[in-house]
C-alpha atoms as a PDB file:
ATOM      1  CA  MET A   1       4.310 -49.625 -10.213  1.00  0.00           C
ATOM      2  CA  ALA A   2       0.949 -49.293  -8.483  1.00  0.00           C
ATOM      3  CA  TYR A   3      -1.957 -47.199  -9.690  1.00  0.00           C
ATOM      4  CA  HIS A   4      -4.518 -45.704  -7.303  1.00  0.00           C
ATOM      5  CA  ASP A   5      -8.117 -44.919  -8.201  1.00  0.00           C
ATOM      6  CA  GLU A   6     -10.071 -41.842  -7.111  1.00  0.00           C
ATOM      7  CA  HIS A   7     -11.075 -43.642  -3.888  1.00  0.00           C
ATOM      8  CA  GLY A   8      -7.487 -44.419  -2.897  1.00  0.00           C
ATOM      9  CA  GLU A   9      -7.725 -48.111  -3.788  1.00  0.00           C
ATOM     10  CA  CYS A  10      -4.516 -49.608  -5.103  1.00  0.00           C
ATOM     11  CA  LEU A  11      -4.973 -51.029  -8.588  1.00  0.00           C
ATOM     12  CA  VAL A  12      -2.286 -53.515  -9.562  1.00  0.00           C
ATOM     13  CA  ALA A  13      -1.187 -55.580 -12.575  1.00  0.00           C
ATOM     14  CA  GLY A  14      -3.287 -55.057 -15.644  1.00  0.00           C
ATOM     15  CA  PHE A  15      -4.943 -51.715 -14.893  1.00  0.00           C
ATOM     16  CA  ASP A  16      -5.556 -49.828 -18.126  1.00  0.00           C
ATOM     17  CA  PRO A  17      -6.180 -46.128 -17.422  1.00  0.00           C
ATOM     18  CA  ALA A  18      -7.442 -45.593 -20.995  1.00  0.00           C
ATOM     19  CA  THR A  19     -10.327 -48.096 -20.710  1.00  0.00           C
ATOM     20  CA  GLY A  20     -10.784 -48.257 -16.965  1.00  0.00           C
ATOM     21  CA  ASN A  21     -10.447 -52.048 -17.033  1.00  0.00           C
ATOM     22  CA  HIS A  22      -8.710 -53.491 -14.029  1.00  0.00           C
ATOM     23  CA  PRO A  23      -8.776 -57.276 -14.212  1.00  0.00           C
ATOM     24  CA  LEU A  24      -6.983 -57.602 -10.884  1.00  0.00           C
ATOM     25  CA  ARG A  25      -6.953 -55.095  -8.062  1.00  0.00           C
ATOM     26  CA  VAL A  26      -6.129 -55.086  -4.394  1.00  0.00           C
ATOM     27  CA  THR A  27      -7.984 -52.705  -2.129  1.00  0.00           C
ATOM     28  CA  GLU A  28      -6.177 -50.797   0.605  1.00  0.00           C
ATOM     29  CA  LYS A  29      -7.671 -53.309   3.071  1.00  0.00           C
ATOM     30  CA  GLY A  30      -6.075 -56.225   1.193  1.00  0.00           C
ATOM     31  CA  ALA A  31      -9.113 -57.633  -0.607  1.00  0.00           C
ATOM     32  CA  VAL A  32      -8.326 -59.009  -4.068  1.00  0.00           C
ATOM     33  CA  VAL A  33     -10.952 -58.205  -6.700  1.00  0.00           C
ATOM     34  CA  MET A  34     -10.906 -59.717 -10.191  1.00  0.00           C
ATOM     35  CA  ALA A  35     -13.052 -58.542 -13.082  1.00  0.00           C
ATOM     36  CA  GLY A  36     -12.808 -57.755 -16.748  1.00  0.00           C
ATOM     37  CA  ARG A  37     -14.998 -55.354 -18.568  1.00  0.00           C
ATOM     38  CA  THR A  38     -18.209 -54.066 -17.064  1.00  0.00           C
ATOM     39  CA  VAL A  39     -21.259 -54.349 -19.311  1.00  0.00           C
ATOM     40  CA  HIS A  40     -24.431 -52.414 -18.586  1.00  0.00           C
ATOM     41  CA  ILE A  41     -27.609 -53.858 -20.095  1.00  0.00           C
ATOM     42  CA  PRO A  42     -30.020 -50.906 -19.913  1.00  0.00           C
ATOM     43  CA  LEU A  43     -33.635 -51.374 -18.894  1.00  0.00           C
ATOM     44  CA  PHE A  44     -35.578 -53.302 -21.530  1.00  0.00           C
ATOM     45  CA  THR A  45     -39.236 -54.247 -21.697  1.00  0.00           C
ATOM     46  CA  VAL A  46     -39.879 -57.894 -20.825  1.00  0.00           C
ATOM     47  CA  PRO A  47     -41.462 -59.169 -24.051  1.00  0.00           C
ATOM     48  CA  GLY A  48     -44.857 -60.818 -24.236  1.00  0.00           C
ATOM     49  CA  VAL A  49     -46.254 -59.775 -20.837  1.00  0.00           C
ATOM     50  CA  SER A  50     -50.049 -59.848 -21.115  1.00  0.00           C
ATOM     51  CA  THR A  51     -52.876 -58.163 -19.212  1.00  0.00           C
ATOM     52  CA  THR A  52     -54.387 -61.483 -18.097  1.00  0.00           C
ATOM     53  CA  LEU A  53     -54.189 -62.553 -14.436  1.00  0.00           C
ATOM     54  CA  TYR A  54     -51.152 -64.762 -13.757  1.00  0.00           C
ATOM     55  CA  THR A  55     -50.895 -67.508 -11.171  1.00  0.00           C
ATOM     56  CA  THR A  56     -47.853 -68.817  -9.311  1.00  0.00           C
ATOM     57  CA  ALA A  57     -45.371 -70.702 -11.530  1.00  0.00           C
ATOM     58  CA  ASP A  58     -46.678 -69.176 -14.789  1.00  0.00           C
ATOM     59  CA  ALA A  59     -44.287 -67.969 -17.464  1.00  0.00           C
ATOM     60  CA  LEU A  60     -44.212 -64.188 -17.116  1.00  0.00           C
ATOM     61  CA  GLY A  61     -43.753 -62.912 -20.666  1.00  0.00           C
ATOM     62  CA  THR A  62     -41.829 -64.732 -23.351  1.00  0.00           C
ATOM     63  CA  GLN A  63     -38.204 -65.687 -23.899  1.00  0.00           C
ATOM     64  CA  TRP A  64     -35.583 -62.946 -24.335  1.00  0.00           C
ATOM     65  CA  SER A  65     -31.814 -62.732 -24.722  1.00  0.00           C
ATOM     66  CA  ILE A  66     -29.036 -60.307 -23.849  1.00  0.00           C
ATOM     67  CA  VAL A  67     -25.582 -59.961 -25.394  1.00  0.00           C
ATOM     68  CA  VAL A  68     -22.892 -60.682 -22.805  1.00  0.00           C
ATOM     69  CA  PRO A  69     -19.212 -61.607 -22.610  1.00  0.00           C
ATOM     70  CA  PRO A  70     -18.804 -65.399 -23.068  1.00  0.00           C
ATOM     71  CA  SER A  71     -18.316 -65.808 -19.324  1.00  0.00           C
ATOM     72  CA  GLY A  72     -18.609 -63.612 -16.292  1.00  0.00           C
ATOM     73  CA  PHE A  73     -20.787 -62.618 -13.371  1.00  0.00           C
ATOM     74  CA  ILE A  74     -24.170 -60.939 -13.187  1.00  0.00           C
ATOM     75  CA  GLN A  75     -23.485 -58.411 -10.475  1.00  0.00           C
ATOM     76  CA  THR A  76     -26.709 -56.363 -10.415  1.00  0.00           C
ATOM     77  CA  VAL A  77     -30.318 -56.761 -11.543  1.00  0.00           C
ATOM     78  CA  LEU A  78     -32.608 -53.769 -11.605  1.00  0.00           C
ATOM     79  CA  GLY A  79     -36.235 -53.482 -12.534  1.00  0.00           C
ATOM     80  CA  VAL A  80     -39.185 -51.183 -12.891  1.00  0.00           C
ATOM     81  CA  ASP A  81     -42.787 -52.325 -12.443  1.00  0.00           C
ATOM     82  CA  LEU A  82     -44.900 -49.517 -13.905  1.00  0.00           C
ATOM     83  CA  THR A  83     -48.130 -51.378 -13.063  1.00  0.00           C
ATOM     84  CA  ASP A  84     -47.285 -51.256  -9.325  1.00  0.00           C
ATOM     85  CA  GLN A  85     -47.697 -55.003  -8.712  1.00  0.00           C
ATOM     86  CA  GLY A  86     -44.521 -55.714  -6.700  1.00  0.00           C
ATOM     87  CA  VAL A  87     -44.910 -59.476  -7.080  1.00  0.00           C
ATOM     88  CA  ALA A  88     -41.989 -61.880  -6.674  1.00  0.00           C
ATOM     89  CA  PHE A  89     -40.599 -63.677  -9.706  1.00  0.00           C
ATOM     90  CA  ASP A  90     -37.622 -65.774 -10.757  1.00  0.00           C
ATOM     91  CA  ILE A  91     -35.327 -64.941 -13.652  1.00  0.00           C
ATOM     92  CA  LEU A  92     -34.257 -68.208 -15.297  1.00  0.00           C
ATOM     93  CA  PHE A  93     -31.072 -68.060 -17.368  1.00  0.00           C
ATOM     94  CA  PHE A  94     -29.893 -70.397 -20.120  1.00  0.00           C
ATOM     95  CA  GLY A  95     -26.447 -70.462 -21.762  1.00  0.00           C
ATOM     96  CA  GLU A  96     -27.951 -71.516 -25.095  1.00  0.00           C
ATOM     97  CA  ASP A  97     -31.210 -70.912 -26.932  1.00  0.00           C
ATOM     98  CA  PHE A  98     -34.100 -72.914 -25.511  1.00  0.00           C
ATOM     99  CA  THR A  99     -37.764 -73.540 -26.309  1.00  0.00           C
ATOM    100  CA  GLY A 100     -39.522 -70.806 -24.382  1.00  0.00           C
ATOM    101  CA  VAL A 101     -42.818 -71.351 -22.579  1.00  0.00           C
ATOM    102  CA  ALA A 102     -45.875 -69.403 -23.768  1.00  0.00           C
ATOM    103  CA  ASP A 103     -46.761 -66.361 -21.702  1.00  0.00           C
ATOM    104  CA  ASN A 104     -49.159 -67.095 -18.830  1.00  0.00           C
ATOM    105  CA  ALA A 105     -48.771 -70.876 -19.225  1.00  0.00           C
ATOM    106  CA  ALA A 106     -47.509 -73.108 -16.421  1.00  0.00           C
ATOM    107  CA  PHE A 107     -43.707 -73.071 -16.705  1.00  0.00           C
ATOM    108  CA  ASP A 108     -43.023 -76.629 -17.833  1.00  0.00           C
ATOM    109  CA  LEU A 109     -39.876 -76.557 -19.920  1.00  0.00           C
ATOM    110  CA  VAL A 110     -39.113 -79.255 -22.503  1.00  0.00           C
ATOM    111  CA  ASP A 111     -36.875 -81.731 -20.661  1.00  0.00           C
ATOM    112  CA  VAL A 112     -33.982 -81.532 -23.149  1.00  0.00           C
ATOM    113  CA  ASP A 113     -33.706 -77.758 -22.562  1.00  0.00           C
ATOM    114  CA  TRP A 114     -32.814 -78.178 -18.886  1.00  0.00           C
ATOM    115  CA  ARG A 115     -29.287 -79.135 -20.067  1.00  0.00           C
ATOM    116  CA  LYS A 116     -28.908 -75.474 -21.112  1.00  0.00           C
ATOM    117  CA  PHE A 117     -30.050 -74.112 -17.740  1.00  0.00           C
ATOM    118  CA  ALA A 118     -27.433 -71.771 -16.228  1.00  0.00           C
ATOM    119  CA  GLY A 119     -29.257 -70.879 -12.989  1.00  0.00           C
ATOM    120  CA  HIS A 120     -31.745 -68.387 -11.641  1.00  0.00           C
ATOM    121  CA  ILE A 121     -32.022 -65.191  -9.646  1.00  0.00           C
ATOM    122  CA  SER A 122     -35.054 -64.648  -7.422  1.00  0.00           C
ATOM    123  CA  ILE A 123     -36.639 -61.228  -6.992  1.00  0.00           C
ATOM    124  CA  ALA A 124     -38.685 -61.210  -3.773  1.00  0.00           C
ATOM    125  CA  ALA A 125     -41.588 -58.907  -2.974  1.00  0.00           C
ATOM    126  CA  ALA A 126     -39.374 -57.462  -0.210  1.00  0.00           C
ATOM    127  CA  ASP A 127     -36.797 -56.383  -2.852  1.00  0.00           C
ATOM    128  CA  TYR A 128     -39.172 -53.714  -4.224  1.00  0.00           C
ATOM    129  CA  SER A 129     -39.371 -50.092  -3.199  1.00  0.00           C
ATOM    130  CA  ASN A 130     -42.948 -48.835  -3.528  1.00  0.00           C
ATOM    131  CA  LEU A 131     -43.274 -45.413  -5.153  1.00  0.00           C
ATOM    132  CA  ALA A 132     -46.437 -43.411  -5.873  1.00  0.00           C
ATOM    133  CA  GLY A 133     -47.610 -45.393  -8.917  1.00  0.00           C
ATOM    134  CA  GLU A 134     -44.862 -47.894  -9.618  1.00  0.00           C
ATOM    135  CA  GLN A 135     -42.325 -50.087  -7.884  1.00  0.00           C
ATOM    136  CA  VAL A 136     -38.590 -50.466  -8.456  1.00  0.00           C
ATOM    137  CA  PHE A 137     -35.875 -52.841  -7.303  1.00  0.00           C
ATOM    138  CA  THR A 138     -32.099 -53.029  -7.445  1.00  0.00           C
ATOM    139  CA  LYS A 139     -30.495 -56.271  -6.325  1.00  0.00           C
ATOM    140  CA  THR A 140     -26.731 -55.863  -5.959  1.00  0.00           C
ATOM    141  CA  ASN A 141     -23.676 -58.003  -5.229  1.00  0.00           C
ATOM    142  CA  ILE A 142     -25.279 -61.076  -6.748  1.00  0.00           C
ATOM    143  CA  GLY A 143     -22.116 -62.715  -8.100  1.00  0.00           C
ATOM    144  CA  PHE A 144     -24.079 -65.062 -10.402  1.00  0.00           C
ATOM    145  CA  LEU A 145     -21.420 -66.939 -12.411  1.00  0.00           C
ATOM    146  CA  TYR A 146     -22.460 -67.831 -15.953  1.00  0.00           C
ATOM    147  CA  ASP A 147     -21.003 -69.405 -19.088  1.00  0.00           C
ATOM    148  CA  ALA A 148     -22.459 -68.280 -22.440  1.00  0.00           C
ATOM    149  CA  PRO A 149     -20.248 -69.637 -25.228  1.00  0.00           C
ATOM    150  CA  LEU A 150     -22.350 -67.904 -27.911  1.00  0.00           C
ATOM    151  CA  GLY A 151     -22.028 -64.509 -26.219  1.00  0.00           C
ATOM    152  CA  LYS A 152     -25.717 -64.443 -25.303  1.00  0.00           C
ATOM    153  CA  LEU A 153     -27.687 -65.344 -22.223  1.00  0.00           C
ATOM    154  CA  PHE A 154     -31.258 -66.415 -22.811  1.00  0.00           C
ATOM    155  CA  GLY A 155     -33.913 -65.936 -20.180  1.00  0.00           C
ATOM    156  CA  GLN A 156     -37.522 -66.088 -19.143  1.00  0.00           C
ATOM    157  CA  LEU A 157     -39.368 -65.042 -16.003  1.00  0.00           C
ATOM    158  CA  VAL A 158     -41.547 -67.224 -13.775  1.00  0.00           C
ATOM    159  CA  THR A 159     -44.022 -65.511 -11.473  1.00  0.00           C
ATOM    160  CA  ARG A 160     -44.279 -66.380  -7.780  1.00  0.00           C
ATOM    161  CA  GLY A 161     -47.653 -64.706  -7.275  1.00  0.00           C
ATOM    162  CA  GLY A 162     -50.814 -63.589  -9.037  1.00  0.00           C
ATOM    163  CA  PRO A 163     -50.125 -60.246 -10.713  1.00  0.00           C
ATOM    164  CA  THR A 164     -51.974 -58.485 -13.511  1.00  0.00           C
ATOM    165  CA  TYR A 165     -49.670 -56.277 -15.572  1.00  0.00           C
ATOM    166  CA  ALA A 166     -50.272 -53.703 -18.276  1.00  0.00           C
ATOM    167  CA  VAL A 167     -48.526 -54.326 -21.605  1.00  0.00           C
ATOM    168  CA  ASP A 168     -44.894 -53.104 -21.786  1.00  0.00           C
ATOM    169  CA  GLU A 169     -44.777 -52.071 -18.117  1.00  0.00           C
ATOM    170  CA  LEU A 170     -42.277 -54.567 -16.678  1.00  0.00           C
ATOM    171  CA  LYS A 171     -38.619 -53.647 -17.292  1.00  0.00           C
ATOM    172  CA  LEU A 172     -35.305 -55.360 -16.441  1.00  0.00           C
ATOM    173  CA  GLY A 173     -31.659 -54.314 -16.651  1.00  0.00           C
ATOM    174  CA  PHE A 174     -28.345 -55.884 -15.650  1.00  0.00           C
ATOM    175  CA  THR A 175     -24.764 -55.046 -14.781  1.00  0.00           C
ATOM    176  CA  ILE A 176     -22.336 -57.759 -15.824  1.00  0.00           C
ATOM    177  CA  LEU A 177     -18.658 -58.234 -15.000  1.00  0.00           C
ATOM    178  CA  GLY A 178     -17.061 -60.125 -17.887  1.00  0.00           C
ATOM    179  CA  ASP A 179     -14.034 -62.336 -17.417  1.00  0.00           C
END
């Protein structure tokens, strides 16, 4: 038996109407989509961001972690820059805890921690939408595959410009599709 969602897409084997999980679905156009549970990590303040001028390749804030399914995809990254800087940065992800780099120091990770590196997502200056006194971005359809055996992804930002932020005014959030 086939189930159809509110958009007319055919949802096949494994659809659970009670939870909304549909690990395998086929759209009306024949595309196969696989995903488990969707996890929304709401906007959080990037810890440790200081008011001192940064330079390119500095650690932007301190290490943080998010609770995630043990494996999956980061589908969306969103952010709010309340200081209106709009400067590019990279989000570095690690599948295990690592020795974070001090805020505003050149990002030079301890060599042994690179074994834990899971990849990165770049946020470009062009990704921002400039509002009256802040800037926002939403980067979608990323498909960043990760493996986090401990159920946590660890991360830290690296700036690609020379911003000056106010404390607690850089926020990140994620949408994750767990396996």
